[in-house]
Amino acid sequence: MSKDQLFGALAVAAAASIWGTLGFFAKILYAEDVSFEALVAVRALVGWIAVFGFVLVTGGGRSLLVARRDLVFLVPLGLVGIGAFYLFYFYTVRESEVGTAAILLYSSPAFVVLLAWMFLREPLGAVKVSALLLTLLGVFLVVGAYTPQNLEVTPVVLATGLLAGLTYGLYSIFGRPVAGHLSPAVILTYALFFGAVLLLAAALPTLGTLVGLSAGSYALLFMLSVVHTTLGFALYTFGLKRLGAGRSAIVATVEPVVAGAIGVTLLGEDLTAPKVMGALLVLAGAALAQVRRSGKT
């Protein structure tokens, strides 16, 4: 690995580690009675303001001009890949363990493989089928489906966790047609804008839960918006350019590892052998899903 690739890997790992703490900080805000809808609305809105300001400073207003045909992808990218994803994931975090939510999220690469096969006509070979099977078996173990009477999560939470993975995967699907000619910052600006519109509408009935919080809680909200969105995005983009998409996605599997470790050490979440084995299988499936037919990433 070259020095440039090493820095790229470190940047991706740092971004994934930052994202791995999302559930922990969300749990703190939930304990203050902040609704998950209000939390994600603030995160998307403040994050959009930060990224929008960054694009204006670095590229000027003209860089935000996009063709009408690009909006066909950018609108669902924001509504689904940001809006719906944030709602499903942060609801799952609220209703389950942080580690479990993160592992369910990492069903995303399996969904990308299926969606790319269905809609982008990408081949579905033995390696990718193996990735799908590993992910399915891993999720089966993580949620305790081998003893249905003692499931780790309710059917609703299992559904929202997998939907979080699906909608996160759709960000990649909707983003591919515009990724070749729009910068990542411009794409994220539009995605966060449309996502924030949906999330603000969903949060209207519970925005009152943001009133009267402690200074520390407001600082957490700001951190989740700027550090976990803008800084995380910047680090991942830096690493992506130097490491490549496949290797970056594999390094990023440190995210559920960090989330699980925080859940066990700081939140007292259970760590059983089947759950560990399931998590390893999901991560193996996520890594395998990045392998191209040529064997390179």
Foldseek 3Di string as FASTA:
>chain_A
DDPLLVLLLVLLLVLLLLLLCVLVLLLVLVVLVQDLLLLLLLQLVLLLVVLVVVCCVPPNPVLLDDDPVLVVLLLLLQQQQRQLLSVLLSVLSNQAFQLLLVLLLLCQLLLLLVCCCVPVVDDCDPLLVLLNVLLVLLNCLQQVVVPVVDGRGDPVSSVSSNSSSNSNNVNVVSCVVCPVPHPPSSSSSSSSVSSSVNSCVVCVVRNVSVPPDDPVSVVSSSCSNPVSRVVSVVSNVSSCVRNPDLVSQLSSLCSSVSNVVCRCPPVVDDDDPSNVSSSVSSSVSSNSSSQDPVRHD
